[in-house]
Amino acid sequence: MGHLTIGFIGLGLIGGSIARVRRKIHPKETIIAYNYRKTSNPNLEEALADGVLSRIETSLEPFSECNIIFLCAPVLTNISYLEKLKPIINKKCILTDVGSVKGNIHTAVAELELEQQFIGGHPMAGAEKTSYHYSSDTLLENSFYILTPTEKTPNYMKELLQRAIEELNAKPIFMEPSAHDEAVAAISHIPHIAAASLVNLVRSQQQAEIMKQLSAGGFKDITRIASSSSEMWQNICLSNKESILKLLRSFQETIDGVISMLEKEDENGLYQFFSEAKKFRDSIPDKNNIKQEDLFLI
């Protein structure tokens, strides 16, 4: 793959990590990022000082040069940029995003007739700290990177973006947008809501300060993801509402079942509850041991 011009709208943890790898493997590549503030942006200034960015742009016009544009802002913000970018980008530019919800952005892409240039994306990696400062050129290593092309996306664009993702040492997997949204609601969105709920449960107790001091072990570990960006998770919940509501209702039924077992002192039921969870949890493979050909996600 030759030298490309890569554009970023948003340069936080994920965008910054992608940009770092691109700079590492393609030192002469042109990498630009948009500064929507028009005033000094510490994230972008740090990336420029690191040599990761070639330029910071305060206008979207220079994005007409790009071969690939990564939309790395919160989900709803990414959608808002589609209309702004449509008259600017060249016809061979691949427009992609890194949001963890795909259905609504695909709907917007179809309405704007950008389907021939769009490939949805979702790198399955992250950390509780979300700014560029915490990005890393190893964050995406061995992580699955979901790609959701449209029916009109040309094969050459799919192949180009697939190679670009492989260069990040990530594992590109193609999925339908609806299948993606249902899967991530279960394995990502509901766990974040559960973690935030547990933290708020403790926060609301009379002995919250004492509990906080005692929670440095397991509680802090299992609620780590509650430290993620509030704006990002607000966007995700509103964007994937139907899948999340469906699974939250199922989760509510599960909790009601546990309450019933406790009320009845159902020893066998409680044992089965924990035993089945342990068995399934123990069967989850390490991501480094999963082969792409073993996944059937489309």
Protein backbone atom coordinates (compact mmCIF):
# COMPACT_ATOMS: atom_id res chain seq x y z
CA MET A 1 0.00 0.00 0.00
CA GLY A 2 1.46 3.33 -1.05
CA HIS A 3 1.48 6.54 0.90
CA LEU A 4 -2.03 7.77 1.57
CA THR A 5 -3.54 10.95 2.91
CA ILE A 6 -5.49 10.10 6.05
CA GLY A 7 -7.94 12.45 7.77
CA PHE A 8 -9.30 12.32 11.30
CA ILE A 9 -12.43 13.97 12.66
CA GLY A 10 -11.82 13.49 16.37
CA LEU A 11 -8.50 12.26 17.72
CA GLY A 12 -9.04 10.62 21.07
CA LEU A 13 -8.00 7.20 22.31
CA ILE A 14 -9.03 5.20 19.22
CA GLY A 15 -8.29 7.79 16.55
CA GLY A 16 -4.98 8.60 18.20
CA SER A 17 -4.02 4.93 18.34
CA ILE A 18 -4.84 4.43 14.65
CA ALA A 19 -2.87 7.55 13.73
CA ARG A 20 0.14 6.46 15.81
CA VAL A 21 0.37 3.12 13.99
CA ARG A 22 -0.08 4.73 10.57
CA ARG A 23 2.77 7.15 11.36
CA LYS A 24 4.97 4.33 12.65
CA ILE A 25 4.60 2.15 9.55
CA HIS A 26 4.32 5.00 7.01
CA PRO A 27 6.63 7.79 8.23
CA LYS A 28 6.03 9.94 5.14
CA GLU A 29 2.26 9.59 5.09
CA THR A 30 0.15 12.75 5.28
CA ILE A 31 -2.07 12.62 8.38
CA ILE A 32 -4.38 15.54 9.10
CA ALA A 33 -6.92 16.18 11.86
CA TYR A 34 -9.77 18.64 12.12
CA ASN A 35 -9.83 21.20 14.94
CA TYR A 36 -13.50 22.09 15.31
CA ARG A 37 -12.70 24.50 18.17
CA LYS A 38 -10.79 26.92 15.91
CA THR A 39 -8.76 27.76 19.03
CA SER A 40 -5.93 25.73 20.58
CA ASN A 41 -6.78 22.04 21.01
CA PRO A 42 -4.40 20.33 23.48
CA ASN A 43 -5.04 16.83 22.07
CA LEU A 44 -4.19 17.87 18.53
CA GLU A 45 -1.25 20.02 19.60
CA GLU A 46 0.19 17.03 21.48
CA ALA A 47 -0.24 14.81 18.41
CA LEU A 48 1.46 17.42 16.23
CA ALA A 49 4.35 17.70 18.71
CA ASP A 50 4.67 13.91 18.72
CA GLY A 51 5.06 13.96 14.94
CA VAL A 52 1.91 11.85 14.55
CA LEU A 53 0.03 14.59 12.70
CA SER A 54 1.32 16.31 9.60
CA ARG A 55 -1.09 19.23 9.97
CA ILE A 56 -4.00 20.50 12.03
CA GLU A 57 -6.83 21.92 9.92
CA THR A 58 -9.47 24.40 11.08
CA SER A 59 -11.48 23.91 7.88
CA LEU A 60 -12.88 20.73 6.34
CA GLU A 61 -11.87 21.81 2.82
CA PRO A 62 -8.39 20.14 2.96
CA PHE A 63 -10.14 16.79 3.57
CA SER A 64 -10.81 16.76 -0.18
CA GLU A 65 -7.23 15.38 -0.46
CA CYS A 66 -7.95 12.33 1.72
CA ASN A 67 -7.94 8.70 0.63
CA ILE A 68 -9.47 7.61 3.94
CA ILE A 69 -11.33 9.70 6.53
CA PHE A 70 -11.81 8.24 10.02
CA LEU A 71 -14.77 9.66 11.96
CA CYS A 72 -13.63 9.25 15.58
CA ALA A 73 -15.97 11.58 17.46
CA PRO A 74 -18.97 10.38 19.55
CA VAL A 75 -21.54 8.42 17.52
CA LEU A 76 -24.09 11.20 17.01
CA THR A 77 -21.37 13.75 16.23
CA ASN A 78 -19.94 11.44 13.54
CA ILE A 79 -23.34 11.39 11.86
CA SER A 80 -23.54 15.18 11.91
CA TYR A 81 -20.29 15.41 9.93
CA LEU A 82 -21.54 13.26 7.03
CA GLU A 83 -23.57 16.07 5.51
CA LYS A 84 -20.69 18.54 5.97
CA LEU A 85 -18.20 16.20 4.28
CA LYS A 86 -20.41 15.12 1.37
CA PRO A 87 -19.70 18.13 -0.92
CA ILE A 88 -16.00 18.13 -0.01
CA ILE A 89 -14.64 14.60 -0.26
CA ASN A 90 -13.43 13.14 -3.54
CA LYS A 91 -15.28 10.21 -5.11
CA LYS A 92 -12.54 7.69 -4.31
CA CYS A 93 -12.26 8.63 -0.63
CA ILE A 94 -13.29 5.95 1.87
CA LEU A 95 -15.42 7.35 4.64
CA THR A 96 -15.38 5.21 7.78
CA ASP A 97 -16.12 5.59 11.48
CA VAL A 98 -15.06 3.89 14.71
CA GLY A 99 -18.36 4.09 16.61
CA SER A 100 -19.76 1.12 18.49
CA VAL A 101 -23.22 1.50 16.91
CA LYS A 102 -23.67 0.98 13.19
CA GLY A 103 -27.39 1.00 12.33
CA ASN A 104 -28.08 4.72 12.66
CA ILE A 105 -24.99 5.89 10.77
CA HIS A 106 -25.79 3.46 7.93
CA THR A 107 -29.29 4.95 7.78
CA ALA A 108 -27.83 8.45 7.54
CA VAL A 109 -25.35 7.34 4.87
CA ALA A 110 -28.19 5.92 2.77
CA GLU A 111 -30.25 9.11 3.13
CA LEU A 112 -27.26 11.19 2.00
CA GLU A 113 -26.47 8.78 -0.88
CA LEU A 114 -22.94 8.15 0.41
CA GLU A 115 -23.26 4.35 0.33
CA GLN A 116 -20.64 3.95 -2.43
CA GLN A 117 -18.00 5.53 -0.20
CA PHE A 118 -18.90 4.37 3.29
CA ILE A 119 -17.65 1.41 5.32
CA GLY A 120 -18.69 1.34 8.95
CA GLY A 121 -15.99 0.37 11.44
CA HIS A 122 -15.73 -0.59 15.09
CA PRO A 123 -12.36 -1.51 16.65
CA MET A 124 -13.10 -3.79 19.61
CA ALA A 125 -10.53 -2.20 21.89
CA GLY A 126 -10.44 0.59 24.41
CA ALA A 127 -9.55 1.79 27.88
CA GLU A 128 -11.22 3.79 30.61
CA LYS A 129 -9.20 6.91 29.70
CA THR A 130 -10.31 8.26 26.35
CA SER A 131 -8.11 11.17 25.25
CA TYR A 132 -5.25 11.17 22.72
CA HIS A 133 -2.80 11.32 25.62
CA TYR A 134 -3.67 7.70 26.49
CA SER A 135 -3.54 6.40 22.92
CA SER A 136 -0.96 3.81 21.96
CA ASP A 137 0.46 2.18 18.84
CA THR A 138 -0.25 -1.21 20.47
CA LEU A 139 -3.85 -0.64 21.63
CA LEU A 140 -5.42 -2.38 18.63
CA GLU A 141 -3.00 -5.30 18.44
CA ASN A 142 -4.86 -8.64 18.03
CA SER A 143 -8.19 -6.90 18.53
CA PHE A 144 -11.14 -7.58 16.26
CA TYR A 145 -11.99 -4.64 14.03
CA ILE A 146 -15.54 -4.95 12.73
CA LEU A 147 -16.21 -3.59 9.23
CA THR A 148 -19.75 -3.02 7.95
CA PRO A 149 -19.71 -2.07 4.26
CA THR A 150 -22.91 -1.17 2.42
CA GLU A 151 -24.32 -3.16 -0.49
CA LYS A 152 -22.95 -0.47 -2.81
CA THR A 153 -19.39 -0.29 -1.41
CA PRO A 154 -16.96 -1.21 -4.22
CA ASN A 155 -14.74 -4.23 -3.62
CA TYR A 156 -11.55 -2.21 -4.11
CA MET A 157 -12.56 0.08 -1.23
CA LYS A 158 -13.31 -2.88 1.03
CA GLU A 159 -9.94 -4.41 0.16
CA LEU A 160 -8.07 -1.13 0.70
CA LEU A 161 -9.61 -0.56 4.14
CA GLN A 162 -9.12 -4.21 5.08
CA ARG A 163 -5.40 -3.92 4.30
CA ALA A 164 -5.22 -0.66 6.26
CA ILE A 165 -6.77 -2.37 9.28
CA GLU A 166 -4.44 -5.36 8.97
CA GLU A 167 -1.52 -2.91 9.05
CA LEU A 168 -2.75 -1.87 12.52
CA ASN A 169 -2.14 -5.51 13.60
CA ALA A 170 -5.90 -5.77 14.18
CA LYS A 171 -8.19 -8.49 12.81
CA PRO A 172 -10.77 -7.17 10.32
CA ILE A 173 -14.13 -9.00 10.39
CA PHE A 174 -17.03 -8.17 8.06
CA MET A 175 -20.55 -8.05 9.56
CA GLU A 176 -24.04 -6.79 8.80
CA PRO A 177 -24.78 -3.57 10.75
CA SER A 178 -27.84 -5.02 12.53
CA ALA A 179 -25.97 -8.17 13.62
CA HIS A 180 -23.14 -5.99 14.91
CA ASP A 181 -25.46 -3.77 16.96
CA GLU A 182 -27.22 -6.68 18.64
CA ALA A 183 -23.93 -8.40 19.47
CA VAL A 184 -22.22 -5.35 20.97
CA ALA A 185 -25.34 -4.45 22.96
CA ALA A 186 -24.92 -7.75 24.80
CA ILE A 187 -21.15 -7.87 25.22
CA SER A 188 -20.33 -4.17 25.56
CA HIS A 189 -23.26 -1.80 26.06
CA ILE A 190 -25.15 -3.72 28.77
CA PRO A 191 -21.93 -4.37 30.76
CA HIS A 192 -21.21 -0.62 30.75
CA ILE A 193 -24.72 0.13 31.98
CA ALA A 194 -24.36 -2.59 34.64
CA ALA A 195 -21.00 -1.22 35.80
CA ALA A 196 -22.36 2.32 36.04
CA SER A 197 -25.42 1.01 37.89
CA LEU A 198 -23.26 -0.79 40.46
CA VAL A 199 -21.19 2.33 41.05
CA ASN A 200 -24.31 4.47 41.44
CA LEU A 201 -25.77 1.86 43.82
CA VAL A 202 -22.76 2.22 46.12
CA ARG A 203 -22.73 6.00 45.67
CA SER A 204 -26.33 6.21 46.92
CA GLN A 205 -25.72 4.28 50.15
CA GLN A 206 -25.41 6.01 53.54
CA GLN A 207 -21.99 4.43 54.04
CA ALA A 208 -20.83 5.33 50.52
CA GLU A 209 -17.54 6.88 51.68
CA ILE A 210 -16.62 3.81 53.75
CA MET A 211 -17.64 1.52 50.88
CA LYS A 212 -15.50 3.55 48.48
CA GLN A 213 -12.44 3.03 50.66
CA LEU A 214 -13.10 -0.72 50.79
CA SER A 215 -13.72 -1.12 47.05
CA ALA A 216 -10.13 -1.00 45.79
CA GLY A 217 -10.14 -4.74 44.97
CA GLY A 218 -12.74 -6.71 43.02
CA PHE A 219 -15.38 -3.98 42.92
CA LYS A 220 -13.00 -1.53 41.29
CA ASP A 221 -11.92 -4.17 38.76
CA ILE A 222 -15.41 -5.15 37.63
CA THR A 223 -16.57 -1.52 37.40
CA ARG A 224 -13.46 -0.19 35.62
CA ILE A 225 -15.42 0.55 32.45
CA ALA A 226 -17.69 2.96 34.36
CA SER A 227 -14.80 5.45 34.10
CA SER A 228 -15.32 5.75 30.32
CA SER A 229 -16.53 8.94 28.64
CA SER A 230 -20.03 9.95 29.80
CA GLU A 231 -20.77 11.72 26.52
CA MET A 232 -19.73 8.68 24.49
CA TRP A 233 -21.98 6.33 26.47
CA GLN A 234 -24.90 8.75 26.38
CA ASN A 235 -24.54 8.73 22.57
CA ILE A 236 -24.25 4.94 22.41
CA CYS A 237 -27.37 4.34 24.51
CA LEU A 238 -29.46 6.73 22.41
CA SER A 239 -28.08 5.30 19.16
CA ASN A 240 -28.61 1.60 19.96
CA LYS A 241 -31.78 2.04 22.00
CA GLU A 242 -33.83 -0.91 20.69
CA SER A 243 -31.13 -3.57 21.12
CA ILE A 244 -30.18 -2.23 24.56
CA LEU A 245 -33.81 -2.09 25.76
CA LYS A 246 -34.43 -5.67 24.59
CA LEU A 247 -31.41 -6.95 26.50
CA LEU A 248 -32.04 -4.79 29.58
CA ARG A 249 -35.48 -6.37 29.89
CA SER A 250 -33.88 -9.82 29.71
CA PHE A 251 -31.32 -8.73 32.30
CA GLN A 252 -34.14 -7.46 34.52
CA GLU A 253 -35.79 -10.90 34.30
CA THR A 254 -32.49 -12.50 35.33
CA ILE A 255 -32.19 -10.23 38.39
CA ASP A 256 -35.84 -10.92 39.27
CA GLY A 257 -35.01 -14.62 39.11
CA VAL A 258 -32.12 -14.19 41.55
CA ILE A 259 -34.36 -12.21 43.91
CA SER A 260 -36.92 -15.02 43.78
CA MET A 261 -34.27 -17.67 44.50
CA LEU A 262 -32.99 -15.67 47.48
CA GLU A 263 -36.48 -15.18 48.86
CA LYS A 264 -37.16 -18.92 48.59
CA GLU A 265 -33.63 -19.83 49.79
CA ASP A 266 -33.37 -21.98 46.67
CA GLU A 267 -29.95 -23.57 47.18
CA ASN A 268 -30.01 -25.64 43.99
CA GLY A 269 -31.20 -22.72 41.88
CA LEU A 270 -28.49 -20.41 43.18
CA TYR A 271 -25.83 -23.06 42.65
CA GLN A 272 -27.00 -23.59 39.03
CA PHE A 273 -27.04 -19.83 38.45
CA PHE A 274 -23.39 -19.42 39.41
CA SER A 275 -22.30 -22.76 37.94
CA GLU A 276 -23.73 -22.09 34.48
CA ALA A 277 -22.23 -18.59 34.45
CA LYS A 278 -18.82 -19.94 35.47
CA LYS A 279 -18.91 -22.66 32.81
CA PHE A 280 -19.77 -20.24 30.01
CA ARG A 281 -17.31 -17.59 31.25
CA ASP A 282 -14.50 -20.17 31.43
CA SER A 283 -15.22 -21.21 27.83
CA ILE A 284 -14.62 -17.71 26.43
CA PRO A 285 -11.38 -17.94 24.43
CA ASP A 286 -8.49 -15.53 24.77
CA LYS A 287 -8.58 -13.11 21.83
CA ASN A 288 -5.04 -14.10 20.85
CA ASN A 289 -6.18 -17.70 20.30
CA ILE A 290 -9.17 -16.98 18.04
CA LYS A 291 -8.74 -17.52 14.31
CA GLN A 292 -10.64 -15.27 11.93
CA GLU A 293 -11.71 -18.25 9.82
CA ASP A 294 -13.49 -19.69 12.86
CA LEU A 295 -15.84 -16.70 13.05
CA PHE A 296 -19.09 -16.63 11.12
CA LEU A 297 -20.38 -13.14 11.82
CA ILE A 298 -22.06 -12.04 8.60
